[in-house]
């Protein structure tokens, strides 16, 4: 297989040195900078017009379609930043044409694999396998990153349950997971269609590789669903911790109010202006009133302490 990246057609429009010769096959990769060359190449090949249109314009979701003499695959890869990029593949019995709107190390990794396994470069099925395999690896790497981020959010919830940024981060992550889930589900379905399709470009030797990729990629949608549930659980946990903290505050305020209630009662009794109140003319009446209020407050506080309502982290009652 001859591997070319953004090659330039000659003036007369021939591309024979890049085309299949005998039992050989070729992989041609294009980006937006070489789109005119791709259009010229497609016009020289007998490829279904709809397949050409799909290759040039792309699709919104992963798609697999069979045409007479070729098949089209719209594959989505995910970058470490989480942004998805579309790569389109058009394969025949002796050629593989790939197109991306922008440069990406992903294509270089495919090329490096084929250079290290030159025997596999003779069949479009192996080229397809390396595209699918590296796309699955990209997704699984992002899955690991999301799992680490979710663990950090769990620790952050217990450390700062009142941080509003946690809720915003959960919302952003759930939105991102929803987008990835739609792409992963469609891509899993496309890979399944490739598995069950009777393609002359995938022989007995490449079938196990495609099966292995399909099995590995099936972990992606399941993991994304589990992450969405975990984020919902983290959000509920934060609400629960906020509620528990508010309950502790309300309990503290209530206990303080209960302690001061009898003190207020005593102060109110001795604050009445009746003429016949012996304690008002008593020399030690003021210290006695203060001592009485302090004693009552202490007894109530000790009672709450004994019942486990104050100064205890648990909720035990006796």
C-alpha atoms as a PDB file:
ATOM      1  CA  UNK A   1       0.000   0.000   0.000  1.00  0.00           C
ATOM      2  CA  UNK A   2       1.313   3.401  -0.938  1.00  0.00           C
ATOM      3  CA  UNK A   3       0.724   5.959   1.812  1.00  0.00           C
ATOM      4  CA  UNK A   4       0.382   9.546   0.631  1.00  0.00           C
ATOM      5  CA  UNK A   5      -0.612  12.637   2.568  1.00  0.00           C
ATOM      6  CA  UNK A   6      -1.884  15.728   0.729  1.00  0.00           C
ATOM      7  CA  UNK A   7      -0.222  14.616  -2.501  1.00  0.00           C
ATOM      8  CA  UNK A   8      -0.360  16.902  -5.534  1.00  0.00           C
ATOM      9  CA  UNK A   9      -1.754  15.689  -8.829  1.00  0.00           C
ATOM     10  CA  UNK A  10       0.314  16.315 -11.924  1.00  0.00           C
ATOM     11  CA  UNK A  11      -0.695  18.903 -14.458  1.00  0.00           C
ATOM     12  CA  UNK A  12      -2.337  16.391 -16.792  1.00  0.00           C
ATOM     13  CA  UNK A  13      -4.442  15.060 -13.906  1.00  0.00           C
ATOM     14  CA  UNK A  14      -2.986  11.561 -13.819  1.00  0.00           C
ATOM     15  CA  UNK A  15      -2.390   9.816 -10.533  1.00  0.00           C
ATOM     16  CA  UNK A  16      -1.175   6.447 -11.787  1.00  0.00           C
ATOM     17  CA  UNK A  17       1.768   6.249  -9.418  1.00  0.00           C
ATOM     18  CA  UNK A  18      -0.675   6.537  -6.523  1.00  0.00           C
ATOM     19  CA  UNK A  19      -3.311   4.205  -7.949  1.00  0.00           C
ATOM     20  CA  UNK A  20      -3.551   0.460  -7.328  1.00  0.00           C
ATOM     21  CA  UNK A  21      -1.230  -1.569  -9.473  1.00  0.00           C
ATOM     22  CA  UNK A  22      -1.861  -5.280  -9.706  1.00  0.00           C
ATOM     23  CA  UNK A  23      -2.429  -6.680  -6.229  1.00  0.00           C
ATOM     24  CA  UNK A  24      -1.344  -3.506  -4.502  1.00  0.00           C
ATOM     25  CA  UNK A  25      -3.647  -1.038  -2.814  1.00  0.00           C
ATOM     26  CA  UNK A  26      -3.166   2.536  -1.682  1.00  0.00           C
ATOM     27  CA  UNK A  27      -4.253   4.840   1.086  1.00  0.00           C
ATOM     28  CA  UNK A  28      -4.601   8.503   0.191  1.00  0.00           C
ATOM     29  CA  UNK A  29      -5.194  11.079   2.894  1.00  0.00           C
ATOM     30  CA  UNK A  30      -6.467  14.614   2.264  1.00  0.00           C
ATOM     31  CA  UNK A  31      -7.134  17.715   4.317  1.00  0.00           C
ATOM     32  CA  UNK A  32      -8.939  20.934   3.450  1.00  0.00           C
ATOM     33  CA  UNK A  33      -5.752  22.312   1.861  1.00  0.00           C
ATOM     34  CA  UNK A  34      -5.848  19.525  -0.753  1.00  0.00           C
ATOM     35  CA  UNK A  35      -9.604  19.440  -1.284  1.00  0.00           C
ATOM     36  CA  UNK A  36      -9.357  20.456  -4.980  1.00  0.00           C
ATOM     37  CA  UNK A  37      -7.054  17.475  -5.570  1.00  0.00           C
ATOM     38  CA  UNK A  38      -9.565  15.207  -3.873  1.00  0.00           C
ATOM     39  CA  UNK A  39     -12.368  16.492  -6.080  1.00  0.00           C
ATOM     40  CA  UNK A  40     -10.230  15.864  -9.159  1.00  0.00           C
ATOM     41  CA  UNK A  41      -9.406  12.358  -7.990  1.00  0.00           C
ATOM     42  CA  UNK A  42     -13.036  11.469  -7.270  1.00  0.00           C
ATOM     43  CA  UNK A  43     -14.100  12.706 -10.685  1.00  0.00           C
ATOM     44  CA  UNK A  44     -11.624  10.244 -12.227  1.00  0.00           C
ATOM     45  CA  UNK A  45     -12.890   7.253 -10.264  1.00  0.00           C
ATOM     46  CA  UNK A  46     -16.162   5.413 -10.781  1.00  0.00           C
ATOM     47  CA  UNK A  47     -17.541   6.094  -7.306  1.00  0.00           C
ATOM     48  CA  UNK A  48     -21.198   6.475  -6.448  1.00  0.00           C
ATOM     49  CA  UNK A  49     -22.145  10.200  -6.438  1.00  0.00           C
ATOM     50  CA  UNK A  50     -23.731   9.920  -3.016  1.00  0.00           C
ATOM     51  CA  UNK A  51     -20.525   8.409  -1.616  1.00  0.00           C
ATOM     52  CA  UNK A  52     -18.552  11.283  -3.112  1.00  0.00           C
ATOM     53  CA  UNK A  53     -20.954  13.785  -1.583  1.00  0.00           C
ATOM     54  CA  UNK A  54     -20.680  12.141   1.831  1.00  0.00           C
ATOM     55  CA  UNK A  55     -16.879  12.180   1.645  1.00  0.00           C
ATOM     56  CA  UNK A  56     -16.736  15.859   0.706  1.00  0.00           C
ATOM     57  CA  UNK A  57     -19.431  17.191   3.053  1.00  0.00           C
ATOM     58  CA  UNK A  58     -19.279  14.789   5.994  1.00  0.00           C
ATOM     59  CA  UNK A  59     -22.037  13.854   8.430  1.00  0.00           C
ATOM     60  CA  UNK A  60     -23.190  15.069  11.821  1.00  0.00           C
ATOM     61  CA  UNK A  61     -22.974  11.636  13.434  1.00  0.00           C
ATOM     62  CA  UNK A  62     -20.949   8.475  12.743  1.00  0.00           C
ATOM     63  CA  UNK A  63     -22.361   6.723   9.682  1.00  0.00           C
ATOM     64  CA  UNK A  64     -21.632   3.576   7.704  1.00  0.00           C
ATOM     65  CA  UNK A  65     -23.037   3.113   4.185  1.00  0.00           C
ATOM     66  CA  UNK A  66     -22.377   0.526   1.498  1.00  0.00           C
ATOM     67  CA  UNK A  67     -22.339   1.409  -2.186  1.00  0.00           C
ATOM     68  CA  UNK A  68     -21.579  -0.543  -5.302  1.00  0.00           C
ATOM     69  CA  UNK A  69     -17.889  -1.285  -5.219  1.00  0.00           C
ATOM     70  CA  UNK A  70     -17.092   0.725  -2.080  1.00  0.00           C
ATOM     71  CA  UNK A  71     -18.243   1.745   1.372  1.00  0.00           C
ATOM     72  CA  UNK A  72     -18.274   5.050   3.266  1.00  0.00           C
ATOM     73  CA  UNK A  73     -17.540   5.468   6.964  1.00  0.00           C
ATOM     74  CA  UNK A  74     -17.880   8.708   8.898  1.00  0.00           C
ATOM     75  CA  UNK A  75     -15.793   8.233  12.015  1.00  0.00           C
ATOM     76  CA  UNK A  76     -15.498  10.568  14.986  1.00  0.00           C
ATOM     77  CA  UNK A  77     -12.385  10.790  17.117  1.00  0.00           C
ATOM     78  CA  UNK A  78     -12.115  12.659  20.393  1.00  0.00           C
ATOM     79  CA  UNK A  79      -9.182  14.813  21.359  1.00  0.00           C
ATOM     80  CA  UNK A  80      -7.733  15.017  24.905  1.00  0.00           C
ATOM     81  CA  UNK A  81      -9.555  18.326  25.299  1.00  0.00           C
ATOM     82  CA  UNK A  82     -12.845  16.476  24.768  1.00  0.00           C
ATOM     83  CA  UNK A  83     -13.591  18.044  21.378  1.00  0.00           C
ATOM     84  CA  UNK A  84     -14.627  15.631  18.653  1.00  0.00           C
ATOM     85  CA  UNK A  85     -13.225  15.672  15.112  1.00  0.00           C
ATOM     86  CA  UNK A  86     -14.686  13.956  12.057  1.00  0.00           C
ATOM     87  CA  UNK A  87     -12.624  11.757   9.743  1.00  0.00           C
ATOM     88  CA  UNK A  88     -14.271  10.350   6.627  1.00  0.00           C
ATOM     89  CA  UNK A  89     -13.200   7.111   4.954  1.00  0.00           C
ATOM     90  CA  UNK A  90     -14.034   5.822   1.477  1.00  0.00           C
ATOM     91  CA  UNK A  91     -12.768   2.325   0.749  1.00  0.00           C
ATOM     92  CA  UNK A  92     -12.801   0.079  -2.288  1.00  0.00           C
ATOM     93  CA  UNK A  93     -11.182  -3.235  -3.022  1.00  0.00           C
ATOM     94  CA  UNK A  94      -7.791  -1.645  -3.704  1.00  0.00           C
ATOM     95  CA  UNK A  95      -7.898   1.837  -2.233  1.00  0.00           C
ATOM     96  CA  UNK A  96      -8.658   3.753   0.936  1.00  0.00           C
ATOM     97  CA  UNK A  97      -9.320   7.492   0.811  1.00  0.00           C
ATOM     98  CA  UNK A  98      -9.471   9.457   4.061  1.00  0.00           C
ATOM     99  CA  UNK A  99     -10.342  13.102   4.600  1.00  0.00           C
ATOM    100  CA  UNK A 100     -10.198  15.477   7.567  1.00  0.00           C
ATOM    101  CA  UNK A 101     -10.930  19.190   7.613  1.00  0.00           C
ATOM    102  CA  UNK A 102      -7.823  19.855   9.684  1.00  0.00           C
ATOM    103  CA  UNK A 103      -4.549  18.199  10.529  1.00  0.00           C
ATOM    104  CA  UNK A 104      -4.521  15.857  13.496  1.00  0.00           C
ATOM    105  CA  UNK A 105      -1.821  13.583  15.001  1.00  0.00           C
ATOM    106  CA  UNK A 106      -4.376  10.794  14.704  1.00  0.00           C
ATOM    107  CA  UNK A 107      -3.533  10.292  11.020  1.00  0.00           C
ATOM    108  CA  UNK A 108       0.187  10.239  11.777  1.00  0.00           C
ATOM    109  CA  UNK A 109      -0.411   7.491  14.337  1.00  0.00           C
ATOM    110  CA  UNK A 110      -2.253   5.413  11.722  1.00  0.00           C
ATOM    111  CA  UNK A 111       0.604   5.962   9.277  1.00  0.00           C
ATOM    112  CA  UNK A 112       3.174   4.990  11.912  1.00  0.00           C
ATOM    113  CA  UNK A 113       1.339   1.748  12.629  1.00  0.00           C
ATOM    114  CA  UNK A 114       1.214   0.826   8.961  1.00  0.00           C
ATOM    115  CA  UNK A 115       4.886   1.593   8.512  1.00  0.00           C
ATOM    116  CA  UNK A 116       5.657  -0.720  11.435  1.00  0.00           C
ATOM    117  CA  UNK A 117       3.417  -3.448   9.974  1.00  0.00           C
ATOM    118  CA  UNK A 118       3.973  -3.142   6.246  1.00  0.00           C
ATOM    119  CA  UNK A 119       2.290  -6.463   5.549  1.00  0.00           C
ATOM    120  CA  UNK A 120      -0.990  -5.115   6.869  1.00  0.00           C
ATOM    121  CA  UNK A 121      -0.722  -2.103   4.582  1.00  0.00           C
ATOM    122  CA  UNK A 122      -1.601  -4.353   1.623  1.00  0.00           C
ATOM    123  CA  UNK A 123      -5.284  -4.603   2.585  1.00  0.00           C
ATOM    124  CA  UNK A 124      -7.844  -1.813   3.105  1.00  0.00           C
ATOM    125  CA  UNK A 125      -9.369  -3.926   5.882  1.00  0.00           C
ATOM    126  CA  UNK A 126      -6.252  -3.511   8.019  1.00  0.00           C
ATOM    127  CA  UNK A 127      -6.170   0.220   7.362  1.00  0.00           C
ATOM    128  CA  UNK A 128      -9.795   0.386   8.449  1.00  0.00           C
ATOM    129  CA  UNK A 129      -8.922  -1.603  11.583  1.00  0.00           C
ATOM    130  CA  UNK A 130      -6.186   0.835  12.592  1.00  0.00           C
ATOM    131  CA  UNK A 131      -8.543   3.782  12.134  1.00  0.00           C
ATOM    132  CA  UNK A 132     -11.192   2.104  14.288  1.00  0.00           C
ATOM    133  CA  UNK A 133      -8.683   0.909  16.869  1.00  0.00           C
ATOM    134  CA  UNK A 134      -7.043   4.294  17.373  1.00  0.00           C
ATOM    135  CA  UNK A 135     -10.462   5.957  17.529  1.00  0.00           C
ATOM    136  CA  UNK A 136     -11.476   3.513  20.282  1.00  0.00           C
ATOM    137  CA  UNK A 137      -8.213   4.188  22.141  1.00  0.00           C
ATOM    138  CA  UNK A 138      -8.833   7.932  21.950  1.00  0.00           C
ATOM    139  CA  UNK A 139     -12.311   7.482  23.423  1.00  0.00           C
ATOM    140  CA  UNK A 140     -11.060   5.220  26.213  1.00  0.00           C
ATOM    141  CA  UNK A 141      -8.332   7.702  27.130  1.00  0.00           C
ATOM    142  CA  UNK A 142     -10.927  10.449  27.473  1.00  0.00           C
ATOM    143  CA  UNK A 143     -13.073   8.041  29.510  1.00  0.00           C
ATOM    144  CA  UNK A 144     -10.175   7.644  31.965  1.00  0.00           C
ATOM    145  CA  UNK A 145      -9.796  11.418  32.178  1.00  0.00           C
ATOM    146  CA  UNK A 146     -13.500  11.845  32.918  1.00  0.00           C
ATOM    147  CA  UNK A 147     -13.326   9.135  35.592  1.00  0.00           C
ATOM    148  CA  UNK A 148     -10.450  10.959  37.298  1.00  0.00           C
ATOM    149  CA  UNK A 149     -12.370  14.241  37.150  1.00  0.00           C
ATOM    150  CA  UNK A 150     -15.438  12.631  38.714  1.00  0.00           C
ATOM    151  CA  UNK A 151     -13.320  11.285  41.586  1.00  0.00           C
ATOM    152  CA  UNK A 152     -11.942  14.783  42.152  1.00  0.00           C
ATOM    153  CA  UNK A 153     -15.496  16.152  42.237  1.00  0.00           C
ATOM    154  CA  UNK A 154     -16.474  13.567  44.859  1.00  0.00           C
ATOM    155  CA  UNK A 155     -13.593  14.627  47.107  1.00  0.00           C
ATOM    156  CA  UNK A 156     -14.375  18.287  46.482  1.00  0.00           C
ATOM    157  CA  UNK A 157     -18.002  17.800  47.536  1.00  0.00           C
ATOM    158  CA  UNK A 158     -16.959  16.579  50.976  1.00  0.00           C
ATOM    159  CA  UNK A 159     -14.304  19.276  51.310  1.00  0.00           C
ATOM    160  CA  UNK A 160     -16.462  22.237  50.198  1.00  0.00           C
ATOM    161  CA  UNK A 161     -20.118  21.177  49.984  1.00  0.00           C
ATOM    162  CA  UNK A 162     -21.324  24.765  49.656  1.00  0.00           C
ATOM    163  CA  UNK A 163     -19.160  25.550  46.583  1.00  0.00           C
ATOM    164  CA  UNK A 164     -21.517  26.584  43.779  1.00  0.00           C
ATOM    165  CA  UNK A 165     -18.831  25.819  41.206  1.00  0.00           C
ATOM    166  CA  UNK A 166     -19.359  22.101  41.833  1.00  0.00           C
ATOM    167  CA  UNK A 167     -22.923  22.294  40.556  1.00  0.00           C
ATOM    168  CA  UNK A 168     -21.836  24.288  37.510  1.00  0.00           C
ATOM    169  CA  UNK A 169     -19.072  21.779  36.757  1.00  0.00           C
ATOM    170  CA  UNK A 170     -21.535  18.892  37.043  1.00  0.00           C
ATOM    171  CA  UNK A 171     -23.884  20.615  34.614  1.00  0.00           C
ATOM    172  CA  UNK A 172     -21.077  21.234  32.102  1.00  0.00           C
ATOM    173  CA  UNK A 173     -19.854  17.648  32.382  1.00  0.00           C
ATOM    174  CA  UNK A 174     -23.334  16.189  31.952  1.00  0.00           C
ATOM    175  CA  UNK A 175     -23.844  18.294  28.830  1.00  0.00           C
ATOM    176  CA  UNK A 176     -20.492  17.113  27.448  1.00  0.00           C
ATOM    177  CA  UNK A 177     -21.269  13.495  28.336  1.00  0.00           C
ATOM    178  CA  UNK A 178     -24.613  13.739  26.563  1.00  0.00           C
ATOM    179  CA  UNK A 179     -22.879  14.909  23.379  1.00  0.00           C
ATOM    180  CA  UNK A 180     -20.249  12.181  23.613  1.00  0.00           C
ATOM    181  CA  UNK A 181     -22.950   9.601  24.314  1.00  0.00           C
ATOM    182  CA  UNK A 182     -24.814  10.457  21.128  1.00  0.00           C
ATOM    183  CA  UNK A 183     -21.633  10.121  19.079  1.00  0.00           C
ATOM    184  CA  UNK A 184     -20.469   6.954  20.846  1.00  0.00           C
ATOM    185  CA  UNK A 185     -23.834   5.249  20.416  1.00  0.00           C
ATOM    186  CA  UNK A 186     -23.922   5.996  16.689  1.00  0.00           C
ATOM    187  CA  UNK A 187     -20.287   4.963  16.287  1.00  0.00           C
ATOM    188  CA  UNK A 188     -20.875   1.689  18.104  1.00  0.00           C
ATOM    189  CA  UNK A 189     -23.767   0.985  15.754  1.00  0.00           C
ATOM    190  CA  UNK A 190     -21.576   1.774  12.730  1.00  0.00           C
ATOM    191  CA  UNK A 191     -18.880  -0.626  13.957  1.00  0.00           C
ATOM    192  CA  UNK A 192     -21.508  -3.333  14.451  1.00  0.00           C
ATOM    193  CA  UNK A 193     -22.681  -2.808  10.879  1.00  0.00           C
ATOM    194  CA  UNK A 194     -19.110  -3.245   9.666  1.00  0.00           C
ATOM    195  CA  UNK A 195     -18.850  -6.473  11.660  1.00  0.00           C
ATOM    196  CA  UNK A 196     -21.958  -7.948  10.066  1.00  0.00           C
ATOM    197  CA  UNK A 197     -21.473  -6.518   6.586  1.00  0.00           C
ATOM    198  CA  UNK A 198     -20.255  -8.846   3.845  1.00  0.00           C
ATOM    199  CA  UNK A 199     -17.392  -6.682   2.634  1.00  0.00           C
ATOM    200  CA  UNK A 200     -14.756  -7.975   0.216  1.00  0.00           C
ATOM    201  CA  UNK A 201     -12.290  -5.545   1.808  1.00  0.00           C
ATOM    202  CA  UNK A 202     -12.460  -7.355   5.174  1.00  0.00           C
ATOM    203  CA  UNK A 203     -11.145 -10.889   4.873  1.00  0.00           C
ATOM    204  CA  UNK A 204     -10.815 -13.770   7.277  1.00  0.00           C
ATOM    205  CA  UNK A 205      -7.595 -12.335   8.689  1.00  0.00           C
ATOM    206  CA  UNK A 206      -8.998  -8.903   9.513  1.00  0.00           C
ATOM    207  CA  UNK A 207     -12.324 -10.097  10.960  1.00  0.00           C
ATOM    208  CA  UNK A 208     -10.892 -10.900  14.433  1.00  0.00           C
ATOM    209  CA  UNK A 209      -9.352  -7.429  14.596  1.00  0.00           C
ATOM    210  CA  UNK A 210     -12.671  -5.742  13.800  1.00  0.00           C
ATOM    211  CA  UNK A 211     -14.384  -7.951  16.387  1.00  0.00           C
ATOM    212  CA  UNK A 212     -11.807  -6.919  18.990  1.00  0.00           C
ATOM    213  CA  UNK A 213     -12.357  -3.211  18.255  1.00  0.00           C
ATOM    214  CA  UNK A 214     -16.127  -3.617  18.463  1.00  0.00           C
ATOM    215  CA  UNK A 215     -15.817  -5.363  21.820  1.00  0.00           C
ATOM    216  CA  UNK A 216     -13.506  -2.662  23.172  1.00  0.00           C
ATOM    217  CA  UNK A 217     -15.581   0.245  21.921  1.00  0.00           C
ATOM    218  CA  UNK A 218     -18.736  -1.198  23.498  1.00  0.00           C
ATOM    219  CA  UNK A 219     -17.278  -0.134  26.864  1.00  0.00           C
ATOM    220  CA  UNK A 220     -17.513   3.538  25.855  1.00  0.00           C
ATOM    221  CA  UNK A 221     -21.320   4.054  25.837  1.00  0.00           C
ATOM    222  CA  UNK A 222     -21.673   1.973  29.000  1.00  0.00           C
ATOM    223  CA  UNK A 223     -19.014   4.067  30.756  1.00  0.00           C
ATOM    224  CA  UNK A 224     -20.657   7.319  29.652  1.00  0.00           C
ATOM    225  CA  UNK A 225     -24.004   6.144  31.033  1.00  0.00           C
ATOM    226  CA  UNK A 226     -22.338   5.218  34.325  1.00  0.00           C
ATOM    227  CA  UNK A 227     -20.667   8.644  34.473  1.00  0.00           C
ATOM    228  CA  UNK A 228     -23.998  10.427  34.015  1.00  0.00           C
ATOM    229  CA  UNK A 229     -25.430   8.449  36.918  1.00  0.00           C
ATOM    230  CA  UNK A 230     -22.359   9.198  39.029  1.00  0.00           C
ATOM    231  CA  UNK A 231     -22.664  12.927  38.354  1.00  0.00           C
ATOM    232  CA  UNK A 232     -26.335  12.846  39.320  1.00  0.00           C
ATOM    233  CA  UNK A 233     -25.384  11.025  42.511  1.00  0.00           C
ATOM    234  CA  UNK A 234     -22.679  13.622  43.272  1.00  0.00           C
ATOM    235  CA  UNK A 235     -25.184  16.421  42.764  1.00  0.00           C
ATOM    236  CA  UNK A 236     -27.678  14.707  45.079  1.00  0.00           C
ATOM    237  CA  UNK A 237     -24.870  14.154  47.592  1.00  0.00           C
ATOM    238  CA  UNK A 238     -24.005  17.846  47.562  1.00  0.00           C
ATOM    239  CA  UNK A 239     -27.667  18.759  48.142  1.00  0.00           C
ATOM    240  CA  UNK A 240     -27.805  16.239  50.986  1.00  0.00           C
ATOM    241  CA  UNK A 241     -24.652  17.630  52.596  1.00  0.00           C
ATOM    242  CA  UNK A 242     -26.002  21.147  52.260  1.00  0.00           C
ATOM    243  CA  UNK A 243     -29.257  20.038  53.849  1.00  0.00           C
ATOM    244  CA  UNK A 244     -27.453  18.275  56.697  1.00  0.00           C
ATOM    245  CA  UNK A 245     -25.304  21.341  57.307  1.00  0.00           C
ATOM    246  CA  UNK A 246     -28.356  23.566  57.366  1.00  0.00           C
ATOM    247  CA  UNK A 247     -30.017  21.160  59.795  1.00  0.00           C
ATOM    248  CA  UNK A 248     -26.979  21.400  62.086  1.00  0.00           C
ATOM    249  CA  UNK A 249     -27.174  25.196  61.949  1.00  0.00           C
ATOM    250  CA  UNK A 250     -30.912  25.186  62.645  1.00  0.00           C
ATOM    251  CA  UNK A 251     -30.449  22.722  65.511  1.00  0.00           C
ATOM    252  CA  UNK A 252     -27.744  24.900  67.054  1.00  0.00           C
ATOM    253  CA  UNK A 253     -29.893  28.009  66.769  1.00  0.00           C
ATOM    254  CA  UNK A 254     -32.846  26.140  68.248  1.00  0.00           C
ATOM    255  CA  UNK A 255     -30.832  24.853  71.227  1.00  0.00           C
ATOM    256  CA  UNK A 256     -29.450  28.328  71.894  1.00  0.00           C
ATOM    257  CA  UNK A 257     -32.981  29.696  71.788  1.00  0.00           C
ATOM    258  CA  UNK A 258     -34.190  27.024  74.218  1.00  0.00           C
ATOM    259  CA  UNK A 259     -31.363  27.881  76.642  1.00  0.00           C
ATOM    260  CA  UNK A 260     -32.126  31.600  76.568  1.00  0.00           C
ATOM    261  CA  UNK A 261     -35.882  31.123  76.830  1.00  0.00           C
ATOM    262  CA  UNK A 262     -35.953  30.460  80.631  1.00  0.00           C
ATOM    263  CA  UNK A 263     -33.313  33.150  81.125  1.00  0.00           C
ATOM    264  CA  UNK A 264     -35.579  35.573  79.311  1.00  0.00           C
ATOM    265  CA  UNK A 265     -38.475  34.419  81.470  1.00  0.00           C
ATOM    266  CA  UNK A 266     -36.530  35.076  84.679  1.00  0.00           C
ATOM    267  CA  UNK A 267     -35.414  38.473  83.432  1.00  0.00           C
ATOM    268  CA  UNK A 268     -39.009  39.256  82.485  1.00  0.00           C
ATOM    269  CA  UNK A 269     -40.340  38.286  85.922  1.00  0.00           C
ATOM    270  CA  UNK A 270     -37.899  40.497  87.752  1.00  0.00           C
ATOM    271  CA  UNK A 271     -38.412  43.239  85.246  1.00  0.00           C
ATOM    272  CA  UNK A 272     -42.057  43.715  86.240  1.00  0.00           C
ATOM    273  CA  UNK A 273     -42.779  46.935  88.120  1.00  0.00           C
ATOM    274  CA  UNK A 274     -45.094  45.644  90.820  1.00  0.00           C
ATOM    275  CA  UNK A 275     -44.886  47.447  94.190  1.00  0.00           C
ATOM    276  CA  UNK A 276     -44.763  44.324  96.339  1.00  0.00           C
ATOM    277  CA  UNK A 277     -41.792  42.291  95.040  1.00  0.00           C
ATOM    278  CA  UNK A 278     -39.464  41.505  97.984  1.00  0.00           C
ATOM    279  CA  UNK A 279     -36.534  40.536  95.691  1.00  0.00           C
ATOM    280  CA  UNK A 280     -36.416  44.031  94.213  1.00  0.00           C
ATOM    281  CA  UNK A 281     -35.250  45.479  97.536  1.00  0.00           C
ATOM    282  CA  UNK A 282     -33.015  42.531  98.410  1.00  0.00           C
ATOM    283  CA  UNK A 283     -29.319  43.453  98.574  1.00  0.00           C
ATOM    284  CA  UNK A 284     -28.238  40.276  96.741  1.00  0.00           C
ATOM    285  CA  UNK A 285     -31.181  40.134  94.378  1.00  0.00           C
ATOM    286  CA  UNK A 286     -29.191  41.077  91.261  1.00  0.00           C
ATOM    287  CA  UNK A 287     -26.384  38.520  91.781  1.00  0.00           C
ATOM    288  CA  UNK A 288     -29.025  35.944  92.690  1.00  0.00           C
ATOM    289  CA  UNK A 289     -30.919  36.561  89.442  1.00  0.00           C
ATOM    290  CA  UNK A 290     -27.757  36.255  87.402  1.00  0.00           C
ATOM    291  CA  UNK A 291     -26.748  33.075  89.221  1.00  0.00           C
ATOM    292  CA  UNK A 292     -30.221  31.639  88.729  1.00  0.00           C
ATOM    293  CA  UNK A 293     -30.158  32.326  84.995  1.00  0.00           C
ATOM    294  CA  UNK A 294     -26.654  30.872  84.644  1.00  0.00           C
ATOM    295  CA  UNK A 295     -27.635  27.764  86.619  1.00  0.00           C
ATOM    296  CA  UNK A 296     -30.739  27.181  84.529  1.00  0.00           C
ATOM    297  CA  UNK A 297     -28.775  27.640  81.284  1.00  0.00           C
ATOM    298  CA  UNK A 298     -26.065  25.236  82.493  1.00  0.00           C
ATOM    299  CA  UNK A 299     -28.590  22.581  83.486  1.00  0.00           C
ATOM    300  CA  UNK A 300     -30.345  22.788  80.119  1.00  0.00           C
ATOM    301  CA  UNK A 301     -27.028  22.621  78.252  1.00  0.00           C
ATOM    302  CA  UNK A 302     -25.946  19.581  80.292  1.00  0.00           C
ATOM    303  CA  UNK A 303     -29.281  17.924  79.582  1.00  0.00           C
ATOM    304  CA  UNK A 304     -28.825  18.470  75.836  1.00  0.00           C
ATOM    305  CA  UNK A 305     -25.275  17.166  76.124  1.00  0.00           C
ATOM    306  CA  UNK A 306     -26.419  14.015  77.864  1.00  0.00           C
ATOM    307  CA  UNK A 307     -29.131  13.412  75.270  1.00  0.00           C
ATOM    308  CA  UNK A 308     -26.548  13.738  72.524  1.00  0.00           C
ATOM    309  CA  UNK A 309     -28.183  16.799  70.991  1.00  0.00           C
ATOM    310  CA  UNK A 310     -25.224  19.090  71.541  1.00  0.00           C
ATOM    311  CA  UNK A 311     -21.536  18.605  70.922  1.00  0.00           C
ATOM    312  CA  UNK A 312     -22.032  15.164  69.341  1.00  0.00           C
ATOM    313  CA  UNK A 313     -21.411  14.290  65.697  1.00  0.00           C
ATOM    314  CA  UNK A 314     -23.937  11.489  65.836  1.00  0.00           C
ATOM    315  CA  UNK A 315     -27.668  11.608  66.317  1.00  0.00           C
ATOM    316  CA  UNK A 316     -28.037   9.197  69.210  1.00  0.00           C
ATOM    317  CA  UNK A 317     -30.752   9.657  71.786  1.00  0.00           C
ATOM    318  CA  UNK A 318     -30.968   8.263  75.273  1.00  0.00           C
END
